[in-house]
Amino acid sequence: MATWRNFAFPGTDIVSSGTMKHDRQIETLTAPSSRVAETLALAFRDDPALSWIQPDPEARRRMLPRFFAIAAEQSQHYGGVLASKSRTAAALLYPPGQVREGGLWVSLRLLAIFKTALSRGLKVAEAMHKEHPRPQPYLYLRYVGVAPEAQGQGLGGAIIRDIIARAAMQRRGVLLETATQSNVAIYTRLGFDIVSEWEVPGGGPKFWTMIHPAP
């Protein structure tokens, strides 16, 4: 599998139509960032999938920063982490191919975080991966989020457009899924198409799998 470092291209961060604003510049991170984990934890605190995995809001609030720290670590190892300069918008990415989860040690760390909720987390992950094409030729946008205090500033659109542009330089499309119905219209406006709608077995949330086609 290619690494994100091999997949990415160097150069100017892209926002939209060749324009760039300083506060919307997107960076590829080369070192762990606790701020990225906190940003994603705040952005996903009411996410339907994570709320199903851990219904207790206080337990979810405590576990999400630790979970996203591990998720970012894995993305940085196998793929890449992008963030705005303020670190209030962030995305976790994987290159084309099968997602790697990090092995037994990561599983044990996740068990310590999720405890009895881990079984529902594994159901969600398994269902996600079943919806991916085989072979999987797309850049995979696993998570993208904006901290509440920075929403409405265009950072979410900036980081997604940057990802689309990076993928386009390699003649690739972008794959993502969302469990938030209001996100579907946002991704559609950014050029994504719905390829499947599905529910996690056992009463889990509904997801939309979407693809931005290759140029």
N, C-alpha and C. Protein backbone atom coordinates (compact mmCIF):
# COMPACT_ATOMS: atom_id res chain seq x y z
N MET A 1 0.85 -1.20 0.00
CA MET A 1 0.00 0.00 0.00
C MET A 1 0.88 1.24 0.00
N ALA A 2 0.48 2.23 -0.78
CA ALA A 2 1.21 3.49 -0.79
C ALA A 2 0.99 4.22 0.53
N THR A 3 1.96 5.03 0.91
CA THR A 3 1.78 5.87 2.08
C THR A 3 1.28 7.23 1.64
N TRP A 4 0.72 7.99 2.60
CA TRP A 4 0.23 9.34 2.25
C TRP A 4 1.37 10.22 1.78
N ARG A 5 2.57 10.03 2.35
CA ARG A 5 3.70 10.86 1.93
C ARG A 5 4.00 10.64 0.46
N ASN A 6 3.84 9.40 0.00
CA ASN A 6 4.05 9.13 -1.42
C ASN A 6 2.87 9.63 -2.25
N PHE A 7 1.70 9.65 -1.64
CA PHE A 7 0.49 9.98 -2.39
C PHE A 7 0.30 11.49 -2.52
N ALA A 8 0.73 12.23 -1.50
CA ALA A 8 0.50 13.68 -1.48
C ALA A 8 1.39 14.40 -2.48
N PHE A 9 1.05 15.64 -2.74
CA PHE A 9 1.92 16.44 -3.59
C PHE A 9 2.38 17.67 -2.82
N PRO A 10 3.58 18.14 -3.08
CA PRO A 10 4.06 19.33 -2.40
C PRO A 10 3.49 20.58 -3.02
N GLY A 11 3.59 21.69 -2.31
CA GLY A 11 3.20 22.96 -2.91
C GLY A 11 2.19 23.72 -2.09
N THR A 12 1.55 24.68 -2.73
CA THR A 12 0.63 25.59 -2.06
C THR A 12 -0.63 24.89 -1.63
N ASP A 13 -1.13 25.23 -0.45
CA ASP A 13 -2.40 24.71 0.02
C ASP A 13 -3.53 25.35 -0.77
N ILE A 14 -4.52 24.54 -1.17
CA ILE A 14 -5.58 25.00 -2.04
C ILE A 14 -6.86 25.19 -1.24
N VAL A 15 -7.56 26.28 -1.48
CA VAL A 15 -8.85 26.51 -0.85
C VAL A 15 -9.95 26.35 -1.89
N SER A 16 -10.02 27.20 -2.87
CA SER A 16 -11.07 27.11 -3.88
C SER A 16 -10.71 28.00 -5.06
N SER A 17 -10.84 27.44 -6.26
CA SER A 17 -10.64 28.21 -7.49
C SER A 17 -9.31 28.96 -7.51
N GLY A 18 -8.30 28.36 -6.93
CA GLY A 18 -6.98 28.96 -6.95
C GLY A 18 -6.79 30.07 -5.95
N THR A 19 -7.78 30.37 -5.13
CA THR A 19 -7.64 31.43 -4.14
C THR A 19 -7.23 30.83 -2.80
N MET A 20 -6.66 31.68 -1.94
CA MET A 20 -6.21 31.17 -0.66
C MET A 20 -6.29 32.27 0.36
N LYS A 21 -6.83 31.97 1.51
CA LYS A 21 -6.84 32.89 2.63
C LYS A 21 -5.97 32.31 3.73
N HIS A 22 -5.25 33.17 4.43
CA HIS A 22 -4.27 32.71 5.40
C HIS A 22 -4.89 31.80 6.45
N ASP A 23 -6.10 32.16 6.93
CA ASP A 23 -6.72 31.37 7.99
C ASP A 23 -7.28 30.05 7.50
N ARG A 24 -7.30 29.86 6.16
CA ARG A 24 -7.82 28.61 5.61
C ARG A 24 -6.73 27.75 4.99
N GLN A 25 -5.49 28.10 5.16
CA GLN A 25 -4.41 27.28 4.63
C GLN A 25 -4.40 25.93 5.34
N ILE A 26 -4.20 24.88 4.57
CA ILE A 26 -4.25 23.51 5.08
C ILE A 26 -2.84 22.92 5.06
N GLU A 27 -2.46 22.30 6.15
CA GLU A 27 -1.12 21.75 6.29
C GLU A 27 -1.17 20.23 6.47
N THR A 28 -0.17 19.56 5.96
CA THR A 28 0.05 18.15 6.24
C THR A 28 0.90 18.05 7.50
N LEU A 29 0.38 17.42 8.54
CA LEU A 29 1.10 17.35 9.80
C LEU A 29 2.10 16.21 9.79
N THR A 30 3.25 16.46 10.35
CA THR A 30 4.30 15.44 10.41
C THR A 30 4.58 14.98 11.83
N ALA A 31 3.87 15.53 12.80
CA ALA A 31 4.04 15.15 14.20
C ALA A 31 2.67 15.09 14.86
N PRO A 32 2.50 14.27 15.90
CA PRO A 32 1.20 14.18 16.59
C PRO A 32 0.77 15.54 17.13
N SER A 33 -0.53 15.75 17.16
CA SER A 33 -1.09 17.01 17.65
C SER A 33 -2.28 16.72 18.56
N SER A 34 -2.15 17.03 19.84
CA SER A 34 -3.26 16.84 20.76
C SER A 34 -4.42 17.76 20.39
N ARG A 35 -4.12 18.89 19.77
CA ARG A 35 -5.17 19.84 19.37
C ARG A 35 -6.05 19.23 18.28
N VAL A 36 -5.46 18.46 17.38
CA VAL A 36 -6.25 17.80 16.34
C VAL A 36 -7.21 16.80 16.97
N ALA A 37 -6.72 16.00 17.91
CA ALA A 37 -7.58 15.04 18.59
C ALA A 37 -8.73 15.74 19.31
N GLU A 38 -8.44 16.86 19.95
CA GLU A 38 -9.47 17.60 20.67
C GLU A 38 -10.48 18.21 19.69
N THR A 39 -9.99 18.73 18.57
CA THR A 39 -10.89 19.29 17.55
C THR A 39 -11.86 18.24 17.05
N LEU A 40 -11.36 17.06 16.71
CA LEU A 40 -12.23 16.01 16.20
C LEU A 40 -13.18 15.51 17.28
N ALA A 41 -12.70 15.43 18.52
CA ALA A 41 -13.58 15.02 19.62
C ALA A 41 -14.75 15.97 19.78
N LEU A 42 -14.49 17.27 19.70
CA LEU A 42 -15.56 18.25 19.82
C LEU A 42 -16.50 18.20 18.62
N ALA A 43 -15.92 18.03 17.43
CA ALA A 43 -16.73 18.01 16.21
C ALA A 43 -17.66 16.80 16.18
N PHE A 44 -17.24 15.68 16.77
CA PHE A 44 -18.01 14.44 16.69
C PHE A 44 -18.74 14.09 17.98
N ARG A 45 -18.86 15.02 18.89
CA ARG A 45 -19.45 14.69 20.20
C ARG A 45 -20.91 14.27 20.08
N ASP A 46 -21.63 14.75 19.05
CA ASP A 46 -23.02 14.37 18.85
C ASP A 46 -23.22 13.55 17.58
N ASP A 47 -22.16 13.01 17.04
CA ASP A 47 -22.23 12.21 15.82
C ASP A 47 -23.15 11.00 16.04
N PRO A 48 -24.06 10.71 15.10
CA PRO A 48 -25.00 9.60 15.31
C PRO A 48 -24.32 8.25 15.53
N ALA A 49 -23.23 7.98 14.80
CA ALA A 49 -22.57 6.69 14.94
C ALA A 49 -21.87 6.57 16.30
N LEU A 50 -21.13 7.59 16.67
CA LEU A 50 -20.43 7.54 17.96
C LEU A 50 -21.41 7.61 19.12
N SER A 51 -22.55 8.27 18.92
CA SER A 51 -23.58 8.30 19.96
C SER A 51 -24.23 6.93 20.12
N TRP A 52 -24.33 6.17 19.03
CA TRP A 52 -24.85 4.80 19.13
C TRP A 52 -23.83 3.89 19.80
N ILE A 53 -22.56 4.08 19.45
CA ILE A 53 -21.51 3.26 20.06
C ILE A 53 -21.46 3.49 21.57
N GLN A 54 -21.49 4.76 21.98
CA GLN A 54 -21.48 5.11 23.41
C GLN A 54 -22.62 6.10 23.67
N PRO A 55 -23.77 5.59 24.10
CA PRO A 55 -24.94 6.47 24.28
C PRO A 55 -24.80 7.47 25.43
N ASP A 56 -23.98 7.18 26.41
CA ASP A 56 -23.85 8.07 27.56
C ASP A 56 -23.03 9.29 27.18
N PRO A 57 -23.62 10.50 27.20
CA PRO A 57 -22.90 11.70 26.73
C PRO A 57 -21.62 11.99 27.51
N GLU A 58 -21.63 11.79 28.82
CA GLU A 58 -20.45 12.09 29.62
C GLU A 58 -19.34 11.08 29.35
N ALA A 59 -19.71 9.81 29.25
CA ALA A 59 -18.71 8.79 28.92
C ALA A 59 -18.13 9.04 27.53
N ARG A 60 -18.99 9.46 26.60
CA ARG A 60 -18.52 9.76 25.24
C ARG A 60 -17.58 10.96 25.24
N ARG A 61 -17.93 11.98 26.01
CA ARG A 61 -17.07 13.17 26.10
C ARG A 61 -15.67 12.80 26.58
N ARG A 62 -15.59 11.88 27.55
CA ARG A 62 -14.29 11.48 28.09
C ARG A 62 -13.49 10.62 27.12
N MET A 63 -14.17 9.78 26.38
CA MET A 63 -13.44 8.81 25.56
C MET A 63 -12.99 9.38 24.21
N LEU A 64 -13.73 10.36 23.66
CA LEU A 64 -13.45 10.78 22.29
C LEU A 64 -12.06 11.37 22.09
N PRO A 65 -11.53 12.23 22.98
CA PRO A 65 -10.17 12.72 22.74
C PRO A 65 -9.13 11.60 22.68
N ARG A 66 -9.29 10.59 23.53
CA ARG A 66 -8.36 9.46 23.51
C ARG A 66 -8.52 8.63 22.25
N PHE A 67 -9.77 8.44 21.83
CA PHE A 67 -10.01 7.69 20.61
C PHE A 67 -9.41 8.39 19.39
N PHE A 68 -9.66 9.70 19.28
CA PHE A 68 -9.15 10.41 18.11
C PHE A 68 -7.63 10.58 18.15
N ALA A 69 -7.04 10.56 19.33
CA ALA A 69 -5.57 10.56 19.39
C ALA A 69 -5.01 9.29 18.75
N ILE A 70 -5.65 8.15 19.04
CA ILE A 70 -5.22 6.89 18.43
C ILE A 70 -5.52 6.89 16.93
N ALA A 71 -6.71 7.37 16.56
CA ALA A 71 -7.09 7.40 15.14
C ALA A 71 -6.13 8.27 14.34
N ALA A 72 -5.75 9.43 14.91
CA ALA A 72 -4.81 10.31 14.22
C ALA A 72 -3.43 9.67 14.12
N GLU A 73 -3.03 8.99 15.17
CA GLU A 73 -1.74 8.30 15.16
C GLU A 73 -1.70 7.25 14.06
N GLN A 74 -2.78 6.48 13.93
CA GLN A 74 -2.84 5.46 12.89
C GLN A 74 -2.88 6.07 11.49
N SER A 75 -3.65 7.14 11.33
CA SER A 75 -3.70 7.80 10.02
C SER A 75 -2.34 8.37 9.65
N GLN A 76 -1.64 8.93 10.63
CA GLN A 76 -0.33 9.50 10.35
C GLN A 76 0.67 8.41 9.95
N HIS A 77 0.51 7.23 10.54
CA HIS A 77 1.43 6.13 10.24
C HIS A 77 1.16 5.52 8.87
N TYR A 78 -0.12 5.29 8.57
CA TYR A 78 -0.48 4.60 7.33
C TYR A 78 -0.90 5.55 6.21
N GLY A 79 -1.39 6.73 6.58
CA GLY A 79 -1.92 7.65 5.58
C GLY A 79 -1.45 9.07 5.83
N GLY A 80 -2.32 9.93 6.35
CA GLY A 80 -1.92 11.31 6.59
C GLY A 80 -2.95 12.06 7.43
N VAL A 81 -2.49 13.13 8.05
CA VAL A 81 -3.34 14.02 8.84
C VAL A 81 -3.19 15.43 8.27
N LEU A 82 -4.32 16.06 7.95
CA LEU A 82 -4.33 17.44 7.48
C LEU A 82 -5.03 18.30 8.52
N ALA A 83 -4.63 19.55 8.62
CA ALA A 83 -5.28 20.47 9.56
C ALA A 83 -5.10 21.90 9.10
N SER A 84 -6.02 22.75 9.53
CA SER A 84 -5.85 24.18 9.32
C SER A 84 -4.73 24.69 10.23
N LYS A 85 -4.23 25.87 9.94
CA LYS A 85 -3.13 26.42 10.74
C LYS A 85 -3.52 26.57 12.21
N SER A 86 -4.79 26.85 12.45
CA SER A 86 -5.28 27.00 13.82
C SER A 86 -5.54 25.66 14.49
N ARG A 87 -5.52 24.57 13.70
CA ARG A 87 -5.82 23.21 14.17
C ARG A 87 -7.28 23.07 14.60
N THR A 88 -8.14 24.00 14.18
CA THR A 88 -9.55 23.91 14.50
C THR A 88 -10.35 23.19 13.43
N ALA A 89 -9.68 22.76 12.37
CA ALA A 89 -10.27 21.88 11.36
C ALA A 89 -9.22 20.82 11.05
N ALA A 90 -9.67 19.58 10.95
CA ALA A 90 -8.71 18.49 10.75
C ALA A 90 -9.36 17.36 9.98
N ALA A 91 -8.51 16.57 9.31
CA ALA A 91 -8.99 15.42 8.56
C ALA A 91 -7.98 14.28 8.70
N LEU A 92 -8.50 13.07 8.79
CA LEU A 92 -7.68 11.86 8.86
C LEU A 92 -7.90 11.08 7.58
N LEU A 93 -6.81 10.71 6.92
CA LEU A 93 -6.87 10.16 5.57
C LEU A 93 -6.10 8.85 5.46
N TYR A 94 -6.55 8.04 4.50
CA TYR A 94 -5.81 6.84 4.11
C TYR A 94 -5.66 6.84 2.60
N PRO A 95 -4.55 6.32 2.10
CA PRO A 95 -4.38 6.22 0.65
C PRO A 95 -5.24 5.09 0.09
N PRO A 96 -5.31 4.93 -1.22
CA PRO A 96 -6.08 3.83 -1.80
C PRO A 96 -5.61 2.49 -1.25
N GLY A 97 -6.56 1.57 -1.15
CA GLY A 97 -6.24 0.24 -0.64
C GLY A 97 -7.02 -0.05 0.63
N GLN A 98 -6.68 -1.12 1.28
CA GLN A 98 -7.38 -1.56 2.48
C GLN A 98 -6.91 -0.76 3.69
N VAL A 99 -7.85 -0.35 4.53
CA VAL A 99 -7.51 0.37 5.76
C VAL A 99 -6.83 -0.58 6.73
N ARG A 100 -5.74 -0.14 7.32
CA ARG A 100 -5.05 -0.92 8.35
C ARG A 100 -5.41 -0.36 9.72
N GLU A 101 -5.68 -1.27 10.64
CA GLU A 101 -6.19 -0.85 11.95
C GLU A 101 -5.12 -0.79 13.03
N GLY A 102 -3.92 -1.32 12.79
CA GLY A 102 -2.84 -1.16 13.75
C GLY A 102 -2.52 -2.37 14.60
N GLY A 103 -3.27 -3.48 14.47
CA GLY A 103 -2.90 -4.70 15.14
C GLY A 103 -3.39 -4.82 16.57
N LEU A 104 -2.85 -5.81 17.28
CA LEU A 104 -3.32 -6.17 18.61
C LEU A 104 -3.13 -5.05 19.62
N TRP A 105 -1.99 -4.34 19.56
CA TRP A 105 -1.73 -3.31 20.56
C TRP A 105 -2.76 -2.19 20.46
N VAL A 106 -3.09 -1.79 19.26
CA VAL A 106 -4.11 -0.76 19.09
C VAL A 106 -5.46 -1.27 19.56
N SER A 107 -5.77 -2.52 19.27
CA SER A 107 -7.05 -3.10 19.72
C SER A 107 -7.16 -3.07 21.24
N LEU A 108 -6.07 -3.37 21.93
CA LEU A 108 -6.08 -3.34 23.39
C LEU A 108 -6.27 -1.91 23.91
N ARG A 109 -5.63 -0.97 23.24
CA ARG A 109 -5.81 0.44 23.64
C ARG A 109 -7.26 0.89 23.44
N LEU A 110 -7.86 0.47 22.33
CA LEU A 110 -9.25 0.83 22.08
C LEU A 110 -10.19 0.16 23.09
N LEU A 111 -9.87 -1.07 23.48
CA LEU A 111 -10.67 -1.76 24.49
C LEU A 111 -10.64 -1.00 25.80
N ALA A 112 -9.48 -0.46 26.16
CA ALA A 112 -9.36 0.30 27.41
C ALA A 112 -10.19 1.58 27.36
N ILE A 113 -10.38 2.13 26.16
CA ILE A 113 -11.16 3.37 26.00
C ILE A 113 -12.66 3.07 25.92
N PHE A 114 -13.03 2.14 25.04
CA PHE A 114 -14.45 1.89 24.76
C PHE A 114 -15.10 0.95 25.77
N LYS A 115 -14.30 0.06 26.34
CA LYS A 115 -14.81 -0.94 27.28
C LYS A 115 -15.95 -1.73 26.62
N THR A 116 -17.12 -1.81 27.27
CA THR A 116 -18.19 -2.65 26.73
C THR A 116 -18.78 -2.09 25.43
N ALA A 117 -18.50 -0.84 25.12
CA ALA A 117 -19.01 -0.24 23.87
C ALA A 117 -18.19 -0.65 22.66
N LEU A 118 -17.06 -1.32 22.88
CA LEU A 118 -16.19 -1.65 21.75
C LEU A 118 -16.88 -2.55 20.74
N SER A 119 -17.73 -3.46 21.21
CA SER A 119 -18.38 -4.38 20.27
C SER A 119 -19.22 -3.61 19.25
N ARG A 120 -19.90 -2.53 19.70
CA ARG A 120 -20.67 -1.72 18.76
C ARG A 120 -19.74 -0.94 17.83
N GLY A 121 -18.60 -0.49 18.35
CA GLY A 121 -17.63 0.18 17.50
C GLY A 121 -17.11 -0.72 16.41
N LEU A 122 -16.88 -1.98 16.74
CA LEU A 122 -16.39 -2.93 15.74
C LEU A 122 -17.45 -3.22 14.70
N LYS A 123 -18.72 -3.23 15.11
CA LYS A 123 -19.81 -3.42 14.14
C LYS A 123 -19.83 -2.29 13.12
N VAL A 124 -19.65 -1.06 13.61
CA VAL A 124 -19.66 0.09 12.71
C VAL A 124 -18.49 0.00 11.74
N ALA A 125 -17.29 -0.29 12.25
CA ALA A 125 -16.10 -0.36 11.40
C ALA A 125 -16.24 -1.46 10.35
N GLU A 126 -16.75 -2.61 10.77
CA GLU A 126 -16.91 -3.73 9.82
C GLU A 126 -17.91 -3.37 8.73
N ALA A 127 -19.02 -2.74 9.12
CA ALA A 127 -20.03 -2.37 8.13
C ALA A 127 -19.49 -1.33 7.15
N MET A 128 -18.71 -0.37 7.65
CA MET A 128 -18.09 0.63 6.78
C MET A 128 -17.24 -0.04 5.71
N HIS A 129 -16.36 -0.91 6.16
CA HIS A 129 -15.40 -1.51 5.23
C HIS A 129 -16.09 -2.40 4.21
N LYS A 130 -17.21 -3.00 4.58
CA LYS A 130 -17.95 -3.83 3.63
C LYS A 130 -18.52 -3.00 2.48
N GLU A 131 -18.76 -1.72 2.72
CA GLU A 131 -19.31 -0.85 1.68
C GLU A 131 -18.25 -0.28 0.76
N HIS A 132 -16.97 -0.49 1.09
CA HIS A 132 -15.91 0.02 0.23
C HIS A 132 -15.78 -0.85 -1.02
N PRO A 133 -15.45 -0.24 -2.15
CA PRO A 133 -15.25 -1.04 -3.36
C PRO A 133 -14.03 -1.95 -3.21
N ARG A 134 -14.04 -3.02 -3.97
CA ARG A 134 -12.92 -3.96 -4.00
C ARG A 134 -12.49 -4.16 -5.45
N PRO A 135 -11.29 -3.75 -5.83
CA PRO A 135 -10.30 -3.04 -5.02
C PRO A 135 -10.74 -1.61 -4.74
N GLN A 136 -10.08 -0.99 -3.78
CA GLN A 136 -10.45 0.35 -3.34
C GLN A 136 -9.46 1.35 -3.94
N PRO A 137 -9.84 2.07 -5.01
CA PRO A 137 -8.89 2.94 -5.71
C PRO A 137 -8.90 4.39 -5.24
N TYR A 138 -9.70 4.71 -4.23
CA TYR A 138 -9.91 6.11 -3.85
C TYR A 138 -9.10 6.50 -2.62
N LEU A 139 -8.77 7.78 -2.54
CA LEU A 139 -8.28 8.33 -1.28
C LEU A 139 -9.44 8.27 -0.29
N TYR A 140 -9.19 7.74 0.89
CA TYR A 140 -10.26 7.54 1.87
C TYR A 140 -10.21 8.62 2.93
N LEU A 141 -11.24 9.44 2.97
CA LEU A 141 -11.39 10.47 3.98
C LEU A 141 -12.15 9.86 5.15
N ARG A 142 -11.41 9.43 6.15
CA ARG A 142 -12.04 8.67 7.25
C ARG A 142 -12.77 9.58 8.23
N TYR A 143 -12.14 10.69 8.60
CA TYR A 143 -12.79 11.65 9.48
C TYR A 143 -12.41 13.05 9.03
N VAL A 144 -13.37 13.96 9.11
CA VAL A 144 -13.08 15.39 8.91
C VAL A 144 -14.02 16.15 9.82
N GLY A 145 -13.50 17.14 10.53
CA GLY A 145 -14.34 17.88 11.46
C GLY A 145 -13.78 19.26 11.76
N VAL A 146 -14.68 20.12 12.21
CA VAL A 146 -14.33 21.49 12.59
C VAL A 146 -14.82 21.71 14.01
N ALA A 147 -13.96 22.28 14.85
CA ALA A 147 -14.35 22.58 16.23
C ALA A 147 -15.52 23.54 16.25
N PRO A 148 -16.43 23.41 17.20
CA PRO A 148 -17.64 24.26 17.22
C PRO A 148 -17.34 25.76 17.13
N GLU A 149 -16.30 26.23 17.81
CA GLU A 149 -16.03 27.67 17.82
C GLU A 149 -15.54 28.18 16.47
N ALA A 150 -15.13 27.26 15.57
CA ALA A 150 -14.61 27.68 14.27
C ALA A 150 -15.56 27.36 13.13
N GLN A 151 -16.73 26.83 13.43
CA GLN A 151 -17.68 26.50 12.37
C GLN A 151 -18.27 27.76 11.77
N GLY A 152 -18.64 27.67 10.49
CA GLY A 152 -19.19 28.81 9.79
C GLY A 152 -18.14 29.73 9.18
N GLN A 153 -16.86 29.35 9.25
CA GLN A 153 -15.78 30.17 8.71
C GLN A 153 -15.23 29.63 7.40
N GLY A 154 -15.82 28.57 6.89
CA GLY A 154 -15.36 28.00 5.62
C GLY A 154 -14.22 27.01 5.75
N LEU A 155 -13.85 26.64 6.97
CA LEU A 155 -12.71 25.74 7.15
C LEU A 155 -13.03 24.33 6.67
N GLY A 156 -14.27 23.88 6.93
CA GLY A 156 -14.63 22.53 6.49
C GLY A 156 -14.55 22.40 4.98
N GLY A 157 -15.13 23.36 4.26
CA GLY A 157 -15.04 23.32 2.81
C GLY A 157 -13.61 23.43 2.31
N ALA A 158 -12.80 24.25 2.99
CA ALA A 158 -11.40 24.43 2.58
C ALA A 158 -10.62 23.14 2.67
N ILE A 159 -10.80 22.42 3.78
CA ILE A 159 -10.01 21.21 3.96
C ILE A 159 -10.47 20.10 3.01
N ILE A 160 -11.77 20.03 2.74
CA ILE A 160 -12.26 19.02 1.81
C ILE A 160 -11.82 19.33 0.38
N ARG A 161 -11.88 20.60 -0.01
CA ARG A 161 -11.40 20.97 -1.36
C ARG A 161 -9.91 20.69 -1.51
N ASP A 162 -9.16 20.90 -0.44
CA ASP A 162 -7.73 20.60 -0.48
C ASP A 162 -7.51 19.10 -0.72
N ILE A 163 -8.29 18.28 -0.03
CA ILE A 163 -8.17 16.83 -0.19
C ILE A 163 -8.54 16.41 -1.61
N ILE A 164 -9.62 16.98 -2.14
CA ILE A 164 -10.02 16.67 -3.52
C ILE A 164 -8.92 17.05 -4.50
N ALA A 165 -8.30 18.21 -4.27
CA ALA A 165 -7.23 18.66 -5.17
C ALA A 165 -6.01 17.76 -5.08
N ARG A 166 -5.65 17.35 -3.88
CA ARG A 166 -4.50 16.44 -3.72
C ARG A 166 -4.76 15.12 -4.44
N ALA A 167 -5.98 14.60 -4.27
CA ALA A 167 -6.31 13.35 -4.96
C ALA A 167 -6.31 13.53 -6.48
N ALA A 168 -6.81 14.67 -6.95
CA ALA A 168 -6.88 14.92 -8.39
C ALA A 168 -5.50 14.96 -9.03
N MET A 169 -4.51 15.43 -8.28
CA MET A 169 -3.15 15.47 -8.82
C MET A 169 -2.62 14.07 -9.12
N GLN A 170 -3.21 13.06 -8.48
CA GLN A 170 -2.84 11.67 -8.75
C GLN A 170 -3.91 10.95 -9.57
N ARG A 171 -4.83 11.76 -10.13
CA ARG A 171 -5.93 11.19 -10.93
C ARG A 171 -6.77 10.22 -10.11
N ARG A 172 -7.00 10.57 -8.86
CA ARG A 172 -7.77 9.75 -7.95
C ARG A 172 -9.05 10.47 -7.54
N GLY A 173 -10.04 9.71 -7.11
CA GLY A 173 -11.22 10.25 -6.47
C GLY A 173 -11.08 10.15 -4.96
N VAL A 174 -12.14 10.55 -4.25
CA VAL A 174 -12.15 10.54 -2.79
C VAL A 174 -13.38 9.80 -2.30
N LEU A 175 -13.18 8.93 -1.32
CA LEU A 175 -14.25 8.13 -0.72
C LEU A 175 -14.47 8.58 0.71
N LEU A 176 -15.73 8.69 1.12
CA LEU A 176 -16.05 8.97 2.53
C LEU A 176 -17.40 8.36 2.85
N GLU A 177 -17.72 8.32 4.15
CA GLU A 177 -19.06 7.98 4.58
C GLU A 177 -19.46 8.92 5.71
N THR A 178 -20.76 9.14 5.84
CA THR A 178 -21.27 9.99 6.91
C THR A 178 -22.54 9.38 7.48
N ALA A 179 -22.73 9.54 8.78
CA ALA A 179 -23.97 9.12 9.44
C ALA A 179 -24.84 10.32 9.76
N THR A 180 -24.45 11.51 9.33
CA THR A 180 -25.20 12.73 9.58
C THR A 180 -25.88 13.17 8.30
N GLN A 181 -27.20 13.08 8.28
CA GLN A 181 -27.95 13.33 7.04
C GLN A 181 -27.71 14.74 6.50
N SER A 182 -27.58 15.74 7.38
CA SER A 182 -27.37 17.11 6.91
C SER A 182 -26.05 17.28 6.18
N ASN A 183 -25.09 16.37 6.43
CA ASN A 183 -23.80 16.45 5.74
C ASN A 183 -23.92 16.04 4.27
N VAL A 184 -24.93 15.24 3.96
CA VAL A 184 -25.04 14.71 2.60
C VAL A 184 -25.17 15.85 1.59
N ALA A 185 -25.99 16.83 1.89
CA ALA A 185 -26.17 17.97 0.97
C ALA A 185 -24.87 18.77 0.85
N ILE A 186 -24.13 18.90 1.94
CA ILE A 186 -22.86 19.63 1.91
C ILE A 186 -21.86 18.93 0.99
N TYR A 187 -21.73 17.61 1.16
CA TYR A 187 -20.79 16.86 0.33
C TYR A 187 -21.25 16.85 -1.13
N THR A 188 -22.58 16.81 -1.34
CA THR A 188 -23.08 16.85 -2.72
C THR A 188 -22.68 18.15 -3.41
N ARG A 189 -22.78 19.27 -2.68
CA ARG A 189 -22.38 20.55 -3.26
C ARG A 189 -20.89 20.59 -3.57
N LEU A 190 -20.11 19.79 -2.86
CA LEU A 190 -18.67 19.74 -3.10
C LEU A 190 -18.30 18.73 -4.19
N GLY A 191 -19.32 18.11 -4.80
CA GLY A 191 -19.06 17.23 -5.93
C GLY A 191 -19.10 15.75 -5.64
N PHE A 192 -19.52 15.36 -4.43
CA PHE A 192 -19.62 13.94 -4.09
C PHE A 192 -20.96 13.37 -4.54
N ASP A 193 -20.96 12.09 -4.90
CA ASP A 193 -22.17 11.37 -5.27
C ASP A 193 -22.43 10.26 -4.25
N ILE A 194 -23.69 10.04 -3.94
CA ILE A 194 -24.06 8.91 -3.07
C ILE A 194 -23.94 7.62 -3.88
N VAL A 195 -23.20 6.66 -3.34
CA VAL A 195 -23.08 5.36 -4.01
C VAL A 195 -23.83 4.27 -3.25
N SER A 196 -24.10 4.48 -1.96
CA SER A 196 -24.92 3.52 -1.21
C SER A 196 -25.45 4.16 0.06
N GLU A 197 -26.61 3.68 0.50
CA GLU A 197 -27.20 4.03 1.79
C GLU A 197 -27.40 2.73 2.55
N TRP A 198 -27.00 2.68 3.80
CA TRP A 198 -27.04 1.42 4.52
C TRP A 198 -27.12 1.67 6.02
N GLU A 199 -27.49 0.63 6.76
CA GLU A 199 -27.59 0.71 8.21
C GLU A 199 -26.69 -0.32 8.86
N VAL A 200 -26.13 0.03 9.99
CA VAL A 200 -25.30 -0.90 10.75
C VAL A 200 -26.20 -1.99 11.32
N PRO A 201 -25.86 -3.26 11.14
CA PRO A 201 -26.69 -4.34 11.66
C PRO A 201 -26.87 -4.24 13.18
N GLY A 202 -28.02 -4.70 13.65
CA GLY A 202 -28.28 -4.69 15.08
C GLY A 202 -28.84 -3.39 15.60
N GLY A 203 -29.53 -2.64 14.73
CA GLY A 203 -30.14 -1.40 15.17
C GLY A 203 -29.24 -0.19 15.14
N GLY A 204 -28.15 -0.27 14.41
CA GLY A 204 -27.20 0.83 14.34
C GLY A 204 -27.66 1.95 13.42
N PRO A 205 -26.87 3.01 13.32
CA PRO A 205 -27.26 4.19 12.55
C PRO A 205 -27.20 3.96 11.04
N LYS A 206 -27.87 4.85 10.32
CA LYS A 206 -27.82 4.85 8.87
C LYS A 206 -26.60 5.63 8.40
N PHE A 207 -25.98 5.13 7.34
CA PHE A 207 -24.82 5.79 6.73
C PHE A 207 -25.09 6.05 5.25
N TRP A 208 -24.38 7.04 4.75
CA TRP A 208 -24.30 7.31 3.32
C TRP A 208 -22.85 7.18 2.91
N THR A 209 -22.56 6.31 1.96
CA THR A 209 -21.22 6.23 1.39
C THR A 209 -21.20 7.07 0.13
N MET A 210 -20.20 7.95 0.02
CA MET A 210 -20.15 8.92 -1.08
C MET A 210 -18.77 8.93 -1.72
N ILE A 211 -18.75 9.24 -2.99
CA ILE A 211 -17.49 9.28 -3.74
C ILE A 211 -17.42 10.55 -4.57
N HIS A 212 -16.29 11.23 -4.49
CA HIS A 212 -15.98 12.30 -5.43
C HIS A 212 -15.18 11.68 -6.56
N PRO A 213 -15.68 11.69 -7.78
CA PRO A 213 -15.01 10.95 -8.86
C PRO A 213 -13.65 11.53 -9.21
N ALA A 214 -12.82 10.68 -9.75
CA ALA A 214 -11.52 11.13 -10.23
C ALA A 214 -11.72 12.04 -11.43
N PRO A 215 -10.82 12.99 -11.66
CA PRO A 215 -10.96 13.92 -12.80
C PRO A 215 -10.76 13.18 -14.13
